[in-house]
Amino acid sequence: MMRRTGWALVSAVFLIGSTACSTLPANPNPDVVQVQLAAPVDKVKAAVTEVLTNSGYTEVVWKDDSTLTTNYREETEGIQWMYKCCWGVIRNRVEATVTPNGDQTTDLRIQVMAEGKRTLWESFAPVQTPE
């Protein structure tokens, strides 16, 4: 009897998770922030690298003198399999561009792109960036 109940619960979790447990709102446009900072380029680059590293991005790489990219960072916590199975998973990555605007001024553009999926069997697609 317990074995049947267990299988019924597991089946229900997978069935509900794959049909309508949650929806991820679509938003193919990334979040973008553009600012002008009163600091030299080197200090801005160091600060951006430190903030992203401390925020959980494990691969913060400057592709050239002005462009930074990161790997994907998943936004789920807690019981990982339950999030991925029923409530979905969202991951995001960052691209930043720094441009000198004089000796002591730097333009910074940060772009956050988020992708999500509702179940293990779906592909990642652009979604609204988590708050």
C-alpha atoms as a PDB file:
ATOM      1  CA  MET A   1       0.000   0.000   0.000  1.00  0.00           C
ATOM      2  CA  MET A   2       2.800   2.443   0.911  1.00  0.00           C
ATOM      3  CA  ARG A   3       4.614   1.647  -2.321  1.00  0.00           C
ATOM      4  CA  ARG A   4       1.512   2.520  -4.403  1.00  0.00           C
ATOM      5  CA  THR A   5       1.026   5.757  -2.498  1.00  0.00           C
ATOM      6  CA  GLY A   6       4.670   6.693  -3.049  1.00  0.00           C
ATOM      7  CA  TRP A   7       4.461   6.033  -6.781  1.00  0.00           C
ATOM      8  CA  ALA A   8       1.219   7.991  -6.974  1.00  0.00           C
ATOM      9  CA  LEU A   9       2.824  11.010  -5.277  1.00  0.00           C
ATOM     10  CA  VAL A  10       5.917  10.899  -7.488  1.00  0.00           C
ATOM     11  CA  SER A  11       3.746  10.573 -10.607  1.00  0.00           C
ATOM     12  CA  ALA A  12       1.568  13.491  -9.503  1.00  0.00           C
ATOM     13  CA  VAL A  13       4.597  15.720  -8.921  1.00  0.00           C
ATOM     14  CA  PHE A  14       5.973  15.010 -12.389  1.00  0.00           C
ATOM     15  CA  LEU A  15       2.567  15.331 -14.060  1.00  0.00           C
ATOM     16  CA  ILE A  16       1.742  18.635 -12.380  1.00  0.00           C
ATOM     17  CA  GLY A  17       5.242  19.962 -12.924  1.00  0.00           C
ATOM     18  CA  SER A  18       5.168  19.237 -16.627  1.00  0.00           C
ATOM     19  CA  THR A  19       1.748  20.737 -17.295  1.00  0.00           C
ATOM     20  CA  ALA A  20       0.856  23.841 -15.334  1.00  0.00           C
ATOM     21  CA  CYS A  21       2.723  24.298 -12.094  1.00  0.00           C
ATOM     22  CA  SER A  22       4.144  27.672 -13.088  1.00  0.00           C
ATOM     23  CA  THR A  23       4.655  30.013 -15.952  1.00  0.00           C
ATOM     24  CA  LEU A  24       7.718  32.063 -16.750  1.00  0.00           C
ATOM     25  CA  PRO A  25       6.818  35.394 -18.353  1.00  0.00           C
ATOM     26  CA  ALA A  26       8.564  35.945 -21.669  1.00  0.00           C
ATOM     27  CA  ASN A  27      10.758  39.000 -22.083  1.00  0.00           C
ATOM     28  CA  PRO A  28      13.390  38.589 -24.768  1.00  0.00           C
ATOM     29  CA  ASN A  29      14.863  42.034 -24.060  1.00  0.00           C
ATOM     30  CA  PRO A  30      17.681  42.121 -21.500  1.00  0.00           C
ATOM     31  CA  ASP A  31      17.772  44.559 -18.591  1.00  0.00           C
ATOM     32  CA  VAL A  32      20.198  47.368 -19.414  1.00  0.00           C
ATOM     33  CA  VAL A  33      21.750  50.020 -17.185  1.00  0.00           C
ATOM     34  CA  GLN A  34      23.917  52.824 -18.541  1.00  0.00           C
ATOM     35  CA  VAL A  35      25.759  55.205 -16.216  1.00  0.00           C
ATOM     36  CA  GLN A  36      28.609  57.658 -16.287  1.00  0.00           C
ATOM     37  CA  LEU A  37      31.001  57.289 -13.350  1.00  0.00           C
ATOM     38  CA  ALA A  38      33.530  59.756 -12.000  1.00  0.00           C
ATOM     39  CA  ALA A  39      36.337  57.192 -11.847  1.00  0.00           C
ATOM     40  CA  PRO A  40      39.088  55.973 -14.172  1.00  0.00           C
ATOM     41  CA  VAL A  41      38.509  52.902 -16.344  1.00  0.00           C
ATOM     42  CA  ASP A  42      40.825  50.639 -14.316  1.00  0.00           C
ATOM     43  CA  LYS A  43      38.925  51.279 -11.064  1.00  0.00           C
ATOM     44  CA  VAL A  44      35.547  50.735 -12.736  1.00  0.00           C
ATOM     45  CA  LYS A  45      36.720  47.443 -14.266  1.00  0.00           C
ATOM     46  CA  ALA A  46      38.055  46.251 -10.904  1.00  0.00           C
ATOM     47  CA  ALA A  47      34.816  47.210  -9.132  1.00  0.00           C
ATOM     48  CA  VAL A  48      32.583  45.504 -11.726  1.00  0.00           C
ATOM     49  CA  THR A  49      34.702  42.339 -11.555  1.00  0.00           C
ATOM     50  CA  GLU A  50      34.569  42.281  -7.744  1.00  0.00           C
ATOM     51  CA  VAL A  51      30.810  42.872  -7.537  1.00  0.00           C
ATOM     52  CA  LEU A  52      29.975  40.151 -10.070  1.00  0.00           C
ATOM     53  CA  THR A  53      32.372  37.654  -8.469  1.00  0.00           C
ATOM     54  CA  ASN A  54      30.868  38.340  -5.027  1.00  0.00           C
ATOM     55  CA  SER A  55      27.381  37.923  -6.534  1.00  0.00           C
ATOM     56  CA  GLY A  56      27.991  34.301  -7.517  1.00  0.00           C
ATOM     57  CA  TYR A  57      29.285  34.517 -11.068  1.00  0.00           C
ATOM     58  CA  THR A  58      32.189  32.074 -11.214  1.00  0.00           C
ATOM     59  CA  GLU A  59      33.629  33.042 -14.602  1.00  0.00           C
ATOM     60  CA  VAL A  60      34.011  36.801 -14.936  1.00  0.00           C
ATOM     61  CA  VAL A  61      36.157  37.338 -18.037  1.00  0.00           C
ATOM     62  CA  TRP A  62      37.256  40.514 -19.787  1.00  0.00           C
ATOM     63  CA  LYS A  63      37.193  39.551 -23.489  1.00  0.00           C
ATOM     64  CA  ASP A  64      39.158  42.655 -24.403  1.00  0.00           C
ATOM     65  CA  ASP A  65      39.998  46.019 -22.811  1.00  0.00           C
ATOM     66  CA  SER A  66      36.364  47.114 -22.698  1.00  0.00           C
ATOM     67  CA  THR A  67      34.007  44.079 -22.726  1.00  0.00           C
ATOM     68  CA  LEU A  68      33.227  41.715 -19.841  1.00  0.00           C
ATOM     69  CA  THR A  69      31.160  38.517 -19.978  1.00  0.00           C
ATOM     70  CA  THR A  70      30.095  36.027 -17.317  1.00  0.00           C
ATOM     71  CA  ASN A  71      28.859  32.466 -17.277  1.00  0.00           C
ATOM     72  CA  TYR A  72      25.274  31.592 -16.357  1.00  0.00           C
ATOM     73  CA  ARG A  73      24.246  31.790 -12.715  1.00  0.00           C
ATOM     74  CA  GLU A  74      21.190  29.799 -11.602  1.00  0.00           C
ATOM     75  CA  GLU A  75      18.691  31.600  -9.386  1.00  0.00           C
ATOM     76  CA  THR A  76      17.180  28.570  -7.610  1.00  0.00           C
ATOM     77  CA  GLU A  77      17.720  27.751  -3.952  1.00  0.00           C
ATOM     78  CA  GLY A  78      16.481  25.113  -1.519  1.00  0.00           C
ATOM     79  CA  ILE A  79      15.305  21.748  -2.758  1.00  0.00           C
ATOM     80  CA  GLN A  80      16.924  21.854  -6.197  1.00  0.00           C
ATOM     81  CA  TRP A  81      15.079  18.931  -7.791  1.00  0.00           C
ATOM     82  CA  MET A  82      11.683  20.343  -6.794  1.00  0.00           C
ATOM     83  CA  TYR A  83      12.429  23.731  -8.359  1.00  0.00           C
ATOM     84  CA  LYS A  84      13.718  22.165 -11.548  1.00  0.00           C
ATOM     85  CA  CYS A  85      10.888  19.656 -11.753  1.00  0.00           C
ATOM     86  CA  CYS A  86       7.837  21.699 -10.819  1.00  0.00           C
ATOM     87  CA  TRP A  87       8.540  25.406 -10.507  1.00  0.00           C
ATOM     88  CA  GLY A  88      11.196  25.839 -13.143  1.00  0.00           C
ATOM     89  CA  VAL A  89      14.643  27.310 -13.098  1.00  0.00           C
ATOM     90  CA  ILE A  90      15.996  30.683 -14.185  1.00  0.00           C
ATOM     91  CA  ARG A  91      19.607  31.424 -14.995  1.00  0.00           C
ATOM     92  CA  ASN A  92      21.205  34.686 -16.026  1.00  0.00           C
ATOM     93  CA  ARG A  93      24.439  36.088 -17.351  1.00  0.00           C
ATOM     94  CA  VAL A  94      25.951  39.554 -17.586  1.00  0.00           C
ATOM     95  CA  GLU A  95      27.724  41.530 -20.264  1.00  0.00           C
ATOM     96  CA  ALA A  96      29.371  44.848 -19.385  1.00  0.00           C
ATOM     97  CA  THR A  97      31.102  47.456 -21.477  1.00  0.00           C
ATOM     98  CA  VAL A  98      33.353  50.220 -20.149  1.00  0.00           C
ATOM     99  CA  THR A  99      34.344  53.194 -22.267  1.00  0.00           C
ATOM    100  CA  PRO A 100      36.717  55.944 -21.153  1.00  0.00           C
ATOM    101  CA  ASN A 101      35.182  59.399 -21.315  1.00  0.00           C
ATOM    102  CA  GLY A 102      38.182  61.510 -20.355  1.00  0.00           C
ATOM    103  CA  ASP A 103      40.877  60.781 -17.776  1.00  0.00           C
ATOM    104  CA  GLN A 104      38.656  60.521 -14.701  1.00  0.00           C
ATOM    105  CA  THR A 105      35.253  59.632 -16.204  1.00  0.00           C
ATOM    106  CA  THR A 106      34.020  56.250 -17.469  1.00  0.00           C
ATOM    107  CA  ASP A 107      30.823  55.190 -19.224  1.00  0.00           C
ATOM    108  CA  LEU A 108      29.516  51.828 -17.990  1.00  0.00           C
ATOM    109  CA  ARG A 109      26.837  49.733 -19.690  1.00  0.00           C
ATOM    110  CA  ILE A 110      25.637  46.566 -17.919  1.00  0.00           C
ATOM    111  CA  GLN A 111      23.263  44.132 -19.610  1.00  0.00           C
ATOM    112  CA  VAL A 112      21.638  41.196 -17.755  1.00  0.00           C
ATOM    113  CA  MET A 113      20.117  38.412 -19.855  1.00  0.00           C
ATOM    114  CA  ALA A 114      17.875  35.822 -18.204  1.00  0.00           C
ATOM    115  CA  GLU A 115      16.720  32.453 -19.519  1.00  0.00           C
ATOM    116  CA  GLY A 116      14.279  30.058 -17.919  1.00  0.00           C
ATOM    117  CA  LYS A 117      12.355  26.844 -18.276  1.00  0.00           C
ATOM    118  CA  ARG A 118       9.442  25.309 -16.375  1.00  0.00           C
ATOM    119  CA  THR A 119      10.491  21.658 -16.358  1.00  0.00           C
ATOM    120  CA  LEU A 120      13.505  19.440 -16.905  1.00  0.00           C
ATOM    121  CA  TRP A 121      12.256  18.557 -20.374  1.00  0.00           C
ATOM    122  CA  GLU A 122      11.992  22.077 -21.783  1.00  0.00           C
ATOM    123  CA  SER A 123      14.719  24.151 -23.397  1.00  0.00           C
ATOM    124  CA  PHE A 124      15.860  27.460 -21.932  1.00  0.00           C
ATOM    125  CA  ALA A 125      14.186  30.546 -23.437  1.00  0.00           C
ATOM    126  CA  PRO A 126      14.477  34.292 -22.699  1.00  0.00           C
ATOM    127  CA  VAL A 127      12.432  35.400 -19.659  1.00  0.00           C
ATOM    128  CA  GLN A 128      12.038  38.451 -17.458  1.00  0.00           C
ATOM    129  CA  THR A 129      15.062  39.042 -15.242  1.00  0.00           C
ATOM    130  CA  PRO A 130      14.406  38.069 -11.597  1.00  0.00           C
ATOM    131  CA  GLU A 131      14.184  40.952  -9.138  1.00  0.00           C
END
